[in-house]
């Protein structure tokens, strides 16, 4: 069993309140869950209106599938015009590690 996660540090564009921030992040998190069947959430910078950490995680039967999904999630987030992707960090673990 493989466990993997990715965390994105993103800068939001023309956002002036936490309410506006949430209106951008909720659809992104929901789409990550729906499209890629991962667990996803806002994981940091909840008190800053122009910055966010977004995390996604999954359990996969093999390493190739894990890499494929995490890479697709990263491409999806990087392609969103309303976010500037500052960094993406991935981590993978095997159940026997």
PDB file of N, CA and C in Angstrom:
ATOM      1  N   UNK A   1       0.850  -1.168   0.000  1.00  0.00           N
ATOM      2  CA  UNK A   1       0.000   0.000   0.000  1.00  0.00           C
ATOM      3  C   UNK A   1       0.903   1.241   0.000  1.00  0.00           C
ATOM      4  N   UNK A   2       0.531   2.213  -0.818  1.00  0.00           N
ATOM      5  CA  UNK A   2       1.258   3.477  -0.902  1.00  0.00           C
ATOM      6  C   UNK A   2       0.375   4.612  -0.403  1.00  0.00           C
ATOM      7  N   UNK A   3       0.971   5.509   0.351  1.00  0.00           N
ATOM      8  CA  UNK A   3       0.281   6.681   0.871  1.00  0.00           C
ATOM      9  C   UNK A   3       1.048   7.899   0.360  1.00  0.00           C
ATOM     10  N   UNK A   4       0.325   8.840  -0.218  1.00  0.00           N
ATOM     11  CA  UNK A   4       0.991  10.022  -0.744  1.00  0.00           C
ATOM     12  C   UNK A   4       0.180  11.264  -0.517  1.00  0.00           C
ATOM     13  N   UNK A   5       0.882  12.366  -0.424  1.00  0.00           N
ATOM     14  CA  UNK A   5       0.180  13.641  -0.302  1.00  0.00           C
ATOM     15  C   UNK A   5       0.986  14.727  -0.977  1.00  0.00           C
ATOM     16  N   UNK A   6       0.283  15.790  -1.305  1.00  0.00           N
ATOM     17  CA  UNK A   6       0.885  16.956  -1.926  1.00  0.00           C
ATOM     18  C   UNK A   6       0.281  18.188  -1.258  1.00  0.00           C
ATOM     19  N   UNK A   7       1.112  19.171  -1.030  1.00  0.00           N
ATOM     20  CA  UNK A   7       0.644  20.411  -0.412  1.00  0.00           C
ATOM     21  C   UNK A   7       1.079  21.578  -1.280  1.00  0.00           C
ATOM     22  N   UNK A   8       0.125  22.441  -1.590  1.00  0.00           N
ATOM     23  CA  UNK A   8       0.358  23.595  -2.446  1.00  0.00           C
ATOM     24  C   UNK A   8       0.343  24.873  -1.627  1.00  0.00           C
ATOM     25  N   UNK A   9       1.317  25.710  -1.862  1.00  0.00           N
ATOM     26  CA  UNK A   9       1.332  27.067  -1.309  1.00  0.00           C
ATOM     27  C   UNK A   9       0.928  27.969  -2.469  1.00  0.00           C
ATOM     28  N   UNK A  10      -0.226  28.607  -2.355  1.00  0.00           N
ATOM     29  CA  UNK A  10      -0.741  29.426  -3.458  1.00  0.00           C
ATOM     30  C   UNK A  10      -0.994  30.854  -3.004  1.00  0.00           C
ATOM     31  N   UNK A  11      -0.839  31.747  -3.959  1.00  0.00           N
ATOM     32  CA  UNK A  11      -1.151  33.159  -3.762  1.00  0.00           C
ATOM     33  C   UNK A  11      -2.387  33.442  -4.593  1.00  0.00           C
ATOM     34  N   UNK A  12      -3.375  34.041  -3.973  1.00  0.00           N
ATOM     35  CA  UNK A  12      -4.622  34.345  -4.664  1.00  0.00           C
ATOM     36  C   UNK A  12      -4.542  35.739  -5.252  1.00  0.00           C
ATOM     37  N   UNK A  13      -5.192  35.928  -6.367  1.00  0.00           N
ATOM     38  CA  UNK A  13      -5.158  37.194  -7.079  1.00  0.00           C
ATOM     39  C   UNK A  13      -5.873  38.315  -6.361  1.00  0.00           C
ATOM     40  N   UNK A  14      -6.862  38.876  -6.989  1.00  0.00           N
ATOM     41  CA  UNK A  14      -7.570  40.055  -6.511  1.00  0.00           C
ATOM     42  C   UNK A  14      -8.603  39.667  -5.455  1.00  0.00           C
ATOM     43  N   UNK A  15      -8.119  39.321  -4.272  1.00  0.00           N
ATOM     44  CA  UNK A  15      -8.974  38.891  -3.171  1.00  0.00           C
ATOM     45  C   UNK A  15      -8.783  39.870  -2.021  1.00  0.00           C
ATOM     46  N   UNK A  16      -9.892  40.358  -1.461  1.00  0.00           N
ATOM     47  CA  UNK A  16      -9.812  41.378  -0.424  1.00  0.00           C
ATOM     48  C   UNK A  16     -10.401  40.953   0.909  1.00  0.00           C
ATOM     49  N   UNK A  17     -10.875  39.724   1.012  1.00  0.00           N
ATOM     50  CA  UNK A  17     -11.458  39.274   2.275  1.00  0.00           C
ATOM     51  C   UNK A  17     -11.356  37.757   2.368  1.00  0.00           C
ATOM     52  N   UNK A  18     -11.523  37.268   3.592  1.00  0.00           N
ATOM     53  CA  UNK A  18     -11.538  35.822   3.789  1.00  0.00           C
ATOM     54  C   UNK A  18     -12.746  35.182   3.113  1.00  0.00           C
ATOM     55  N   UNK A  19     -13.852  35.915   3.037  1.00  0.00           N
ATOM     56  CA  UNK A  19     -15.049  35.407   2.364  1.00  0.00           C
ATOM     57  C   UNK A  19     -14.771  35.184   0.872  1.00  0.00           C
ATOM     58  N   UNK A  20     -14.097  36.121   0.234  1.00  0.00           N
ATOM     59  CA  UNK A  20     -13.732  35.950  -1.177  1.00  0.00           C
ATOM     60  C   UNK A  20     -12.767  34.788  -1.348  1.00  0.00           C
ATOM     61  N   UNK A  21     -11.832  34.672  -0.409  1.00  0.00           N
ATOM     62  CA  UNK A  21     -10.866  33.568  -0.466  1.00  0.00           C
ATOM     63  C   UNK A  21     -11.591  32.228  -0.439  1.00  0.00           C
ATOM     64  N   UNK A  22     -12.509  32.086   0.511  1.00  0.00           N
ATOM     65  CA  UNK A  22     -13.253  30.826   0.623  1.00  0.00           C
ATOM     66  C   UNK A  22     -14.079  30.538  -0.630  1.00  0.00           C
ATOM     67  N   UNK A  23     -14.588  31.593  -1.264  1.00  0.00           N
ATOM     68  CA  UNK A  23     -15.391  31.380  -2.472  1.00  0.00           C
ATOM     69  C   UNK A  23     -14.534  30.857  -3.628  1.00  0.00           C
ATOM     70  N   UNK A  24     -13.232  31.063  -3.573  1.00  0.00           N
ATOM     71  CA  UNK A  24     -12.329  30.490  -4.580  1.00  0.00           C
ATOM     72  C   UNK A  24     -11.839  29.100  -4.180  1.00  0.00           C
ATOM     73  N   UNK A  25     -11.579  28.913  -2.885  1.00  0.00           N
ATOM     74  CA  UNK A  25     -10.997  27.650  -2.444  1.00  0.00           C
ATOM     75  C   UNK A  25     -11.996  26.502  -2.377  1.00  0.00           C
ATOM     76  N   UNK A  26     -13.208  26.778  -1.950  1.00  0.00           N
ATOM     77  CA  UNK A  26     -14.205  25.696  -1.836  1.00  0.00           C
ATOM     78  C   UNK A  26     -14.422  24.946  -3.147  1.00  0.00           C
ATOM     79  N   UNK A  27     -14.628  25.662  -4.267  1.00  0.00           N
ATOM     80  CA  UNK A  27     -14.804  24.924  -5.521  1.00  0.00           C
ATOM     81  C   UNK A  27     -13.554  24.138  -5.942  1.00  0.00           C
ATOM     82  N   UNK A  28     -12.371  24.681  -5.668  1.00  0.00           N
ATOM     83  CA  UNK A  28     -11.140  23.970  -6.008  1.00  0.00           C
ATOM     84  C   UNK A  28     -11.034  22.682  -5.206  1.00  0.00           C
ATOM     85  N   UNK A  29     -11.229  22.750  -3.908  1.00  0.00           N
ATOM     86  CA  UNK A  29     -11.144  21.564  -3.055  1.00  0.00           C
ATOM     87  C   UNK A  29     -12.195  20.535  -3.469  1.00  0.00           C
ATOM     88  N   UNK A  30     -13.400  20.982  -3.737  1.00  0.00           N
ATOM     89  CA  UNK A  30     -14.461  20.063  -4.171  1.00  0.00           C
ATOM     90  C   UNK A  30     -14.110  19.394  -5.500  1.00  0.00           C
ATOM     91  N   UNK A  31     -13.539  20.160  -6.413  1.00  0.00           N
ATOM     92  CA  UNK A  31     -13.169  19.592  -7.723  1.00  0.00           C
ATOM     93  C   UNK A  31     -12.025  18.592  -7.590  1.00  0.00           C
ATOM     94  N   UNK A  32     -11.058  18.853  -6.723  1.00  0.00           N
ATOM     95  CA  UNK A  32      -9.976  17.889  -6.488  1.00  0.00           C
ATOM     96  C   UNK A  32     -10.543  16.574  -5.970  1.00  0.00           C
ATOM     97  N   UNK A  33     -11.469  16.665  -5.029  1.00  0.00           N
ATOM     98  CA  UNK A  33     -12.090  15.455  -4.480  1.00  0.00           C
ATOM     99  C   UNK A  33     -12.865  14.693  -5.539  1.00  0.00           C
ATOM    100  N   UNK A  34     -13.645  15.420  -6.336  1.00  0.00           N
ATOM    101  CA  UNK A  34     -14.494  14.786  -7.341  1.00  0.00           C
ATOM    102  C   UNK A  34     -13.683  14.198  -8.485  1.00  0.00           C
ATOM    103  N   UNK A  35     -12.785  14.982  -9.029  1.00  0.00           N
ATOM    104  CA  UNK A  35     -12.057  14.592 -10.234  1.00  0.00           C
ATOM    105  C   UNK A  35     -10.996  13.525  -9.976  1.00  0.00           C
ATOM    106  N   UNK A  36     -10.286  13.636  -8.847  1.00  0.00           N
ATOM    107  CA  UNK A  36      -9.139  12.763  -8.603  1.00  0.00           C
ATOM    108  C   UNK A  36      -9.357  11.755  -7.478  1.00  0.00           C
ATOM    109  N   UNK A  37     -10.514  11.803  -6.828  1.00  0.00           N
ATOM    110  CA  UNK A  37     -10.840  10.887  -5.733  1.00  0.00           C
ATOM    111  C   UNK A  37      -9.756  10.900  -4.651  1.00  0.00           C
ATOM    112  N   UNK A  38      -9.406  12.110  -4.217  1.00  0.00           N
ATOM    113  CA  UNK A  38      -8.439  12.306  -3.144  1.00  0.00           C
ATOM    114  C   UNK A  38      -9.139  12.982  -1.971  1.00  0.00           C
ATOM    115  N   UNK A  39      -8.513  12.931  -0.828  1.00  0.00           N
ATOM    116  CA  UNK A  39      -8.937  13.766   0.291  1.00  0.00           C
ATOM    117  C   UNK A  39      -8.250  15.106   0.092  1.00  0.00           C
ATOM    118  N   UNK A  40      -8.979  16.191   0.254  1.00  0.00           N
ATOM    119  CA  UNK A  40      -8.405  17.514   0.032  1.00  0.00           C
ATOM    120  C   UNK A  40      -8.993  18.504   1.013  1.00  0.00           C
ATOM    121  N   UNK A  41      -8.167  19.501   1.382  1.00  0.00           N
ATOM    122  CA  UNK A  41      -8.621  20.520   2.331  1.00  0.00           C
ATOM    123  C   UNK A  41      -7.678  21.709   2.297  1.00  0.00           C
ATOM    124  N   UNK A  42      -8.174  22.833   2.783  1.00  0.00           N
ATOM    125  CA  UNK A  42      -7.303  23.974   3.057  1.00  0.00           C
ATOM    126  C   UNK A  42      -6.563  23.631   4.339  1.00  0.00           C
ATOM    127  N   UNK A  43      -5.240  23.664   4.304  1.00  0.00           N
ATOM    128  CA  UNK A  43      -4.451  23.178   5.438  1.00  0.00           C
ATOM    129  C   UNK A  43      -3.634  24.249   6.140  1.00  0.00           C
ATOM    130  N   UNK A  44      -3.662  25.466   5.655  1.00  0.00           N
ATOM    131  CA  UNK A  44      -2.881  26.500   6.319  1.00  0.00           C
ATOM    132  C   UNK A  44      -3.206  27.886   5.813  1.00  0.00           C
ATOM    133  N   UNK A  45      -2.693  28.878   6.524  1.00  0.00           N
ATOM    134  CA  UNK A  45      -2.901  30.294   6.217  1.00  0.00           C
ATOM    135  C   UNK A  45      -4.393  30.658   6.225  1.00  0.00           C
ATOM    136  N   UNK A  46      -5.173  30.034   7.099  1.00  0.00           N
ATOM    137  CA  UNK A  46      -6.604  30.312   7.131  1.00  0.00           C
ATOM    138  C   UNK A  46      -6.924  31.754   7.500  1.00  0.00           C
ATOM    139  N   UNK A  47      -6.012  32.433   8.175  1.00  0.00           N
ATOM    140  CA  UNK A  47      -6.277  33.801   8.602  1.00  0.00           C
ATOM    141  C   UNK A  47      -5.744  34.859   7.641  1.00  0.00           C
ATOM    142  N   UNK A  48      -5.135  34.440   6.528  1.00  0.00           N
ATOM    143  CA  UNK A  48      -4.626  35.377   5.529  1.00  0.00           C
ATOM    144  C   UNK A  48      -5.513  35.305   4.289  1.00  0.00           C
ATOM    145  N   UNK A  49      -5.909  36.445   3.770  1.00  0.00           N
ATOM    146  CA  UNK A  49      -6.874  36.407   2.674  1.00  0.00           C
ATOM    147  C   UNK A  49      -6.250  36.236   1.287  1.00  0.00           C
ATOM    148  N   UNK A  50      -4.949  36.408   1.124  1.00  0.00           N
ATOM    149  CA  UNK A  50      -4.358  36.254  -0.204  1.00  0.00           C
ATOM    150  C   UNK A  50      -3.450  35.040  -0.325  1.00  0.00           C
ATOM    151  N   UNK A  51      -3.361  34.236   0.717  1.00  0.00           N
ATOM    152  CA  UNK A  51      -2.463  33.102   0.702  1.00  0.00           C
ATOM    153  C   UNK A  51      -3.196  31.878   1.222  1.00  0.00           C
ATOM    154  N   UNK A  52      -2.841  30.696   0.697  1.00  0.00           N
ATOM    155  CA  UNK A  52      -3.478  29.462   1.158  1.00  0.00           C
ATOM    156  C   UNK A  52      -2.534  28.285   1.002  1.00  0.00           C
ATOM    157  N   UNK A  53      -2.670  27.336   1.892  1.00  0.00           N
ATOM    158  CA  UNK A  53      -2.071  26.012   1.732  1.00  0.00           C
ATOM    159  C   UNK A  53      -3.216  25.059   1.456  1.00  0.00           C
ATOM    160  N   UNK A  54      -3.069  24.262   0.420  1.00  0.00           N
ATOM    161  CA  UNK A  54      -4.097  23.297   0.043  1.00  0.00           C
ATOM    162  C   UNK A  54      -3.419  21.930  -0.004  1.00  0.00           C
ATOM    163  N   UNK A  55      -3.984  20.972   0.693  1.00  0.00           N
ATOM    164  CA  UNK A  55      -3.415  19.637   0.728  1.00  0.00           C
ATOM    165  C   UNK A  55      -4.338  18.621   0.102  1.00  0.00           C
ATOM    166  N   UNK A  56      -3.722  17.619  -0.532  1.00  0.00           N
ATOM    167  CA  UNK A  56      -4.470  16.494  -1.101  1.00  0.00           C
ATOM    168  C   UNK A  56      -3.702  15.215  -0.777  1.00  0.00           C
ATOM    169  N   UNK A  57      -4.430  14.153  -0.459  1.00  0.00           N
ATOM    170  CA  UNK A  57      -3.798  12.894  -0.080  1.00  0.00           C
ATOM    171  C   UNK A  57      -4.591  11.724  -0.629  1.00  0.00           C
ATOM    172  N   UNK A  58      -3.878  10.605  -0.826  1.00  0.00           N
ATOM    173  CA  UNK A  58      -4.566   9.391  -1.258  1.00  0.00           C
ATOM    174  C   UNK A  58      -3.794   8.159  -0.851  1.00  0.00           C
ATOM    175  N   UNK A  59      -4.487   7.045  -0.866  1.00  0.00           N
ATOM    176  CA  UNK A  59      -3.911   5.731  -0.651  1.00  0.00           C
ATOM    177  C   UNK A  59      -4.071   4.985  -1.964  1.00  0.00           C
ATOM    178  N   UNK A  60      -2.978   4.350  -2.415  1.00  0.00           N
ATOM    179  CA  UNK A  60      -3.005   3.657  -3.711  1.00  0.00           C
ATOM    180  C   UNK A  60      -2.385   2.268  -3.567  1.00  0.00           C
ATOM    181  N   UNK A  61      -2.794   1.353  -4.434  1.00  0.00           N
ATOM    182  CA  UNK A  61      -2.256  -0.003  -4.350  1.00  0.00           C
ATOM    183  C   UNK A  61      -0.829  -0.125  -4.877  1.00  0.00           C
ATOM    184  N   UNK A  62      -0.414   0.806  -5.756  1.00  0.00           N
ATOM    185  CA  UNK A  62       0.939   0.733  -6.296  1.00  0.00           C
ATOM    186  C   UNK A  62       1.519   2.135  -6.494  1.00  0.00           C
ATOM    187  N   UNK A  63       2.823   2.190  -6.566  1.00  0.00           N
ATOM    188  CA  UNK A  63       3.531   3.463  -6.657  1.00  0.00           C
ATOM    189  C   UNK A  63       3.215   4.204  -7.956  1.00  0.00           C
ATOM    190  N   UNK A  64       3.081   3.500  -9.047  1.00  0.00           N
ATOM    191  CA  UNK A  64       2.809   4.157 -10.333  1.00  0.00           C
ATOM    192  C   UNK A  64       1.484   4.905 -10.297  1.00  0.00           C
ATOM    193  N   UNK A  65       0.471   4.292  -9.736  1.00  0.00           N
ATOM    194  CA  UNK A  65      -0.836   4.956  -9.645  1.00  0.00           C
ATOM    195  C   UNK A  65      -0.749   6.186  -8.739  1.00  0.00           C
ATOM    196  N   UNK A  66      -0.058   6.057  -7.627  1.00  0.00           N
ATOM    197  CA  UNK A  66       0.113   7.177  -6.708  1.00  0.00           C
ATOM    198  C   UNK A  66       0.779   8.358  -7.413  1.00  0.00           C
ATOM    199  N   UNK A  67       1.865   8.118  -8.116  1.00  0.00           N
ATOM    200  CA  UNK A  67       2.587   9.176  -8.837  1.00  0.00           C
ATOM    201  C   UNK A  67       1.693   9.798  -9.906  1.00  0.00           C
ATOM    202  N   UNK A  68       0.957   8.976 -10.621  1.00  0.00           N
ATOM    203  CA  UNK A  68       0.092   9.464 -11.686  1.00  0.00           C
ATOM    204  C   UNK A  68      -0.954  10.433 -11.129  1.00  0.00           C
ATOM    205  N   UNK A  69      -1.585  10.070 -10.036  1.00  0.00           N
ATOM    206  CA  UNK A  69      -2.627  10.929  -9.458  1.00  0.00           C
ATOM    207  C   UNK A  69      -2.028  12.202  -8.885  1.00  0.00           C
ATOM    208  N   UNK A  70      -0.957  12.099  -8.115  1.00  0.00           N
ATOM    209  CA  UNK A  70      -0.349  13.294  -7.532  1.00  0.00           C
ATOM    210  C   UNK A  70       0.153  14.258  -8.606  1.00  0.00           C
ATOM    211  N   UNK A  71       0.732  13.740  -9.665  1.00  0.00           N
ATOM    212  CA  UNK A  71       1.188  14.603 -10.763  1.00  0.00           C
ATOM    213  C   UNK A  71       0.011  15.282 -11.459  1.00  0.00           C
ATOM    214  N   UNK A  72      -1.078  14.553 -11.645  1.00  0.00           N
ATOM    215  CA  UNK A  72      -2.263  15.137 -12.287  1.00  0.00           C
ATOM    216  C   UNK A  72      -2.877  16.224 -11.404  1.00  0.00           C
ATOM    217  N   UNK A  73      -2.905  15.996 -10.105  1.00  0.00           N
ATOM    218  CA  UNK A  73      -3.421  17.006  -9.177  1.00  0.00           C
ATOM    219  C   UNK A  73      -2.552  18.263  -9.258  1.00  0.00           C
ATOM    220  N   UNK A  74      -1.240  18.088  -9.297  1.00  0.00           N
ATOM    221  CA  UNK A  74      -0.341  19.247  -9.384  1.00  0.00           C
ATOM    222  C   UNK A  74      -0.551  20.020 -10.685  1.00  0.00           C
ATOM    223  N   UNK A  75      -0.678  19.322 -11.790  1.00  0.00           N
ATOM    224  CA  UNK A  75      -0.931  20.010 -13.075  1.00  0.00           C
ATOM    225  C   UNK A  75      -2.244  20.768 -13.044  1.00  0.00           C
ATOM    226  N   UNK A  76      -3.259  20.167 -12.436  1.00  0.00           N
ATOM    227  CA  UNK A  76      -4.573  20.798 -12.351  1.00  0.00           C
ATOM    228  C   UNK A  76      -4.513  22.096 -11.554  1.00  0.00           C
ATOM    229  N   UNK A  77      -3.879  22.073 -10.406  1.00  0.00           N
ATOM    230  CA  UNK A  77      -3.785  23.276  -9.576  1.00  0.00           C
ATOM    231  C   UNK A  77      -2.912  24.326 -10.260  1.00  0.00           C
ATOM    232  N   UNK A  78      -1.809  23.915 -10.851  1.00  0.00           N
ATOM    233  CA  UNK A  78      -0.908  24.864 -11.515  1.00  0.00           C
ATOM    234  C   UNK A  78      -1.573  25.562 -12.696  1.00  0.00           C
ATOM    235  N   UNK A  79      -2.538  24.910 -13.317  1.00  0.00           N
ATOM    236  CA  UNK A  79      -3.200  25.484 -14.501  1.00  0.00           C
ATOM    237  C   UNK A  79      -4.313  26.455 -14.152  1.00  0.00           C
ATOM    238  N   UNK A  80      -4.683  26.564 -12.882  1.00  0.00           N
ATOM    239  CA  UNK A  80      -5.778  27.452 -12.484  1.00  0.00           C
ATOM    240  C   UNK A  80      -5.315  28.903 -12.548  1.00  0.00           C
ATOM    241  N   UNK A  81      -5.964  29.738 -13.355  1.00  0.00           N
ATOM    242  CA  UNK A  81      -5.510  31.124 -13.515  1.00  0.00           C
ATOM    243  C   UNK A  81      -5.746  32.010 -12.299  1.00  0.00           C
ATOM    244  N   UNK A  82      -6.674  31.646 -11.413  1.00  0.00           N
ATOM    245  CA  UNK A  82      -6.962  32.477 -10.249  1.00  0.00           C
ATOM    246  C   UNK A  82      -5.955  32.298  -9.113  1.00  0.00           C
ATOM    247  N   UNK A  83      -5.027  31.333  -9.261  1.00  0.00           N
ATOM    248  CA  UNK A  83      -4.009  31.071  -8.256  1.00  0.00           C
ATOM    249  C   UNK A  83      -2.629  31.187  -8.866  1.00  0.00           C
ATOM    250  N   UNK A  84      -1.693  31.701  -8.083  1.00  0.00           N
ATOM    251  CA  UNK A  84      -0.282  31.640  -8.462  1.00  0.00           C
ATOM    252  C   UNK A  84       0.347  30.582  -7.572  1.00  0.00           C
ATOM    253  N   UNK A  85       0.815  29.518  -8.178  1.00  0.00           N
ATOM    254  CA  UNK A  85       1.408  28.415  -7.423  1.00  0.00           C
ATOM    255  C   UNK A  85       2.820  28.810  -7.006  1.00  0.00           C
ATOM    256  N   UNK A  86       3.025  28.988  -5.709  1.00  0.00           N
ATOM    257  CA  UNK A  86       4.334  29.365  -5.187  1.00  0.00           C
ATOM    258  C   UNK A  86       5.224  28.147  -4.994  1.00  0.00           C
ATOM    259  N   UNK A  87       4.640  27.049  -4.515  1.00  0.00           N
ATOM    260  CA  UNK A  87       5.404  25.812  -4.355  1.00  0.00           C
ATOM    261  C   UNK A  87       4.452  24.632  -4.209  1.00  0.00           C
ATOM    262  N   UNK A  88       4.987  23.463  -4.508  1.00  0.00           N
ATOM    263  CA  UNK A  88       4.254  22.213  -4.321  1.00  0.00           C
ATOM    264  C   UNK A  88       5.236  21.204  -3.723  1.00  0.00           C
ATOM    265  N   UNK A  89       4.811  20.589  -2.626  1.00  0.00           N
ATOM    266  CA  UNK A  89       5.653  19.591  -1.956  1.00  0.00           C
ATOM    267  C   UNK A  89       4.917  18.267  -1.920  1.00  0.00           C
ATOM    268  N   UNK A  90       5.609  17.208  -2.331  1.00  0.00           N
ATOM    269  CA  UNK A  90       5.013  15.873  -2.330  1.00  0.00           C
ATOM    270  C   UNK A  90       5.772  14.981  -1.359  1.00  0.00           C
ATOM    271  N   UNK A  91       5.042  14.018  -0.832  1.00  0.00           N
ATOM    272  CA  UNK A  91       5.646  13.013   0.027  1.00  0.00           C
ATOM    273  C   UNK A  91       4.953  11.688  -0.240  1.00  0.00           C
ATOM    274  N   UNK A  92       5.734  10.619  -0.260  1.00  0.00           N
ATOM    275  CA  UNK A  92       5.208   9.276  -0.507  1.00  0.00           C
ATOM    276  C   UNK A  92       5.762   8.334   0.536  1.00  0.00           C
ATOM    277  N   UNK A  93       4.917   7.425   0.995  1.00  0.00           N
ATOM    278  CA  UNK A  93       5.341   6.397   1.946  1.00  0.00           C
ATOM    279  C   UNK A  93       4.774   5.050   1.532  1.00  0.00           C
ATOM    280  N   UNK A  94       5.566   4.021   1.716  1.00  0.00           N
ATOM    281  CA  UNK A  94       5.085   2.659   1.516  1.00  0.00           C
ATOM    282  C   UNK A  94       4.692   2.116   2.880  1.00  0.00           C
ATOM    283  N   UNK A  95       3.711   1.261   2.937  1.00  0.00           N
ATOM    284  CA  UNK A  95       3.213   0.750   4.212  1.00  0.00           C
ATOM    285  C   UNK A  95       4.273  -0.040   4.973  1.00  0.00           C
ATOM    286  N   UNK A  96       5.290  -0.514   4.312  1.00  0.00           N
ATOM    287  CA  UNK A  96       6.344  -1.279   4.973  1.00  0.00           C
ATOM    288  C   UNK A  96       7.530  -0.417   5.366  1.00  0.00           C
ATOM    289  N   UNK A  97       7.453   0.902   5.140  1.00  0.00           N
ATOM    290  CA  UNK A  97       8.561   1.806   5.520  1.00  0.00           C
ATOM    291  C   UNK A  97       8.603   2.015   7.000  1.00  0.00           C
TER     292      UNK A  97
END
